[in-house]
Protein backbone atom coordinates (compact mmCIF):
# COMPACT_ATOMS: atom_id res chain seq x y z
CA MET A 1 79.83 125.25 106.98
CA ARG A 2 83.78 125.63 107.21
CA PRO A 3 85.45 126.68 110.59
CA SER A 4 86.39 130.02 111.12
CA HIS A 5 90.39 130.39 111.39
CA ARG A 6 90.11 131.37 114.33
CA SER A 7 88.27 128.67 115.82
CA ARG A 8 90.26 126.64 113.71
CA MET A 9 93.38 127.91 115.81
CA ALA A 10 91.46 127.98 119.04
CA VAL A 11 91.40 123.89 118.53
CA ALA A 12 94.73 123.59 117.68
CA LEU A 13 95.94 125.95 120.48
CA LYS A 14 94.04 123.64 123.14
CA LEU A 15 95.64 120.32 121.77
CA ALA A 16 98.88 121.89 121.93
CA ALA A 17 98.34 123.04 126.01
CA LEU A 18 96.48 119.25 126.22
CA THR A 19 99.62 117.38 125.31
CA LEU A 20 102.46 120.16 126.98
CA LEU A 21 100.21 118.98 129.55
CA VAL A 22 100.01 115.21 128.81
CA ALA A 23 103.93 115.07 127.99
CA CYS A 24 104.93 116.88 131.36
CA SER A 25 103.37 114.78 134.14
CA GLU A 26 104.22 111.63 132.14
CA HIS A 27 108.15 112.26 132.81
CA GLN A 28 108.08 114.03 136.14
CA ASP A 29 109.40 111.99 139.00
CA PRO A 30 107.41 111.01 141.79
CA MET A 31 108.00 112.85 144.88
CA ASP A 32 107.71 111.91 148.21
CA PRO A 33 105.93 114.87 150.71
CA ASN A 34 109.63 115.67 151.73
CA GLY A 35 110.73 116.93 148.54
CA ASP A 36 112.78 114.04 147.50
CA GLU A 37 112.71 111.97 144.20
CA VAL A 38 111.44 108.69 144.53
CA VAL A 39 111.94 105.84 142.48
CA GLU A 40 109.58 103.35 141.83
CA ILE A 41 110.15 99.31 141.58
CA ASP A 42 107.07 96.81 140.67
CA LEU A 43 107.28 93.56 141.79
CA VAL A 44 105.47 92.25 138.44
CA ASN A 45 104.97 88.45 138.88
CA PHE A 46 108.58 86.88 139.44
CA ALA A 47 110.13 89.57 138.64
CA PHE A 48 111.11 93.04 139.89
CA SER A 49 110.58 96.16 136.99
CA ASP A 50 114.17 97.14 137.28
CA ASP A 51 116.65 95.00 138.44
CA GLU A 52 119.61 97.83 138.63
CA VAL A 53 118.65 101.06 139.57
CA ARG A 54 121.48 103.80 139.73
CA ILE A 55 120.41 106.81 142.25
CA ALA A 56 121.62 110.02 144.21
CA PRO A 57 121.67 109.57 147.38
CA GLY A 58 118.55 111.00 149.40
CA THR A 59 116.81 109.61 146.80
CA THR A 60 113.48 106.74 147.92
CA VAL A 61 113.09 103.74 146.31
CA ARG A 62 109.53 102.70 146.71
CA TRP A 63 108.62 98.62 146.08
CA THR A 64 105.06 97.42 145.18
CA ASN A 65 103.78 94.73 145.02
CA THR A 66 101.01 95.06 141.61
CA THR A 67 99.97 91.11 142.75
CA SER A 68 98.37 88.92 145.09
CA GLU A 69 101.63 86.65 145.26
CA PHE A 70 103.77 85.69 148.48
CA HIS A 71 107.02 88.40 147.79
CA THR A 72 110.36 89.52 150.08
CA VAL A 73 112.47 92.83 149.37
CA THR A 74 115.67 90.30 150.78
CA PRO A 75 118.71 92.67 151.34
CA ASP A 76 121.87 90.66 149.95
CA GLY A 77 124.96 90.84 152.19
CA GLN A 78 123.59 94.27 153.79
CA SER A 79 121.47 95.98 156.44
CA ALA A 80 120.44 98.90 154.69
CA TRP A 81 116.52 98.05 155.39
CA GLN A 82 115.08 94.81 157.29
CA GLU A 83 113.71 92.06 154.87
CA TRP A 84 109.85 93.40 153.59
CA GLN A 85 106.71 90.64 152.97
CA THR A 86 103.65 91.37 151.22
CA THR A 87 101.22 89.39 150.00
CA THR A 88 99.09 92.35 149.24
CA GLN A 89 98.46 93.88 146.26
CA GLY A 90 99.05 97.23 146.17
CA GLU A 91 101.13 97.25 149.44
CA THR A 92 104.56 98.52 148.85
CA PHE A 93 107.47 99.44 151.34
CA GLU A 94 109.78 102.37 150.76
CA VAL A 95 113.60 103.08 151.58
CA THR A 96 115.52 106.08 151.70
CA PHE A 97 118.98 105.63 150.17
CA ASN A 98 121.36 108.68 152.09
CA SER A 99 125.25 106.85 151.48
CA ALA A 100 126.75 106.09 148.29
CA GLY A 101 127.35 102.02 148.13
CA THR A 102 125.81 99.07 146.24
CA PHE A 103 123.03 96.90 148.20
CA PRO A 104 121.97 93.75 146.32
CA TYR A 105 118.31 92.60 147.54
CA TYR A 106 116.42 89.07 146.25
CA CYS A 107 113.03 87.78 146.63
CA SER A 108 113.35 84.67 148.97
CA PRO A 109 110.84 82.30 147.17
CA HIS A 110 111.60 83.73 143.65
CA ARG A 111 115.56 83.94 144.13
CA SER A 112 115.97 81.00 141.88
CA LEU A 113 113.97 82.59 138.75
CA GLY A 114 115.78 85.76 139.03
CA MET A 115 113.86 87.49 141.05
CA GLU A 116 117.21 89.63 142.16
CA GLY A 117 117.87 93.62 142.32
CA THR A 118 120.51 96.13 142.98
CA ILE A 119 120.53 99.83 144.11
CA ILE A 120 123.51 101.95 143.14
CA VAL A 121 123.62 105.24 145.21
CA GLU A 122 126.55 107.41 143.52
C-alpha cells in the first residue's frame, strides 16, 4: 500500500522543521547569563583549538580543559587576567574582554610545543 500524498507531505514538513532546528542550534553562538557572546577555546592535547581569535569588546572567552593533562592559560606580556592552572577535564576559565587590544597567552608547560594563542579585541 502506497502512502498518501498527505502523509508524505506531513513527513516532508517534519523533516524540514527538524533540519531547520538542527541548523539553527549548531550555528548560534553561546551566550553567558548576561546575554553577552561567549567564544569557546578548548585545550586539546598540547594545543589550543584556536590559536588566534578576533572578538568584539564585551565578548567573553571561555577556555575548557578537554584532558586531564596539566595546562595553564598564562598571559604573555599583558595583565588582562591571572594565570589559570588546571588538571581537571571539563574545567573552564573565563575572561571578558571589554577593551580593544591584543592579548597573547600560552600554556607554561607546553609552550615549547607551540601551545600559544592570541585574543584580538577590535
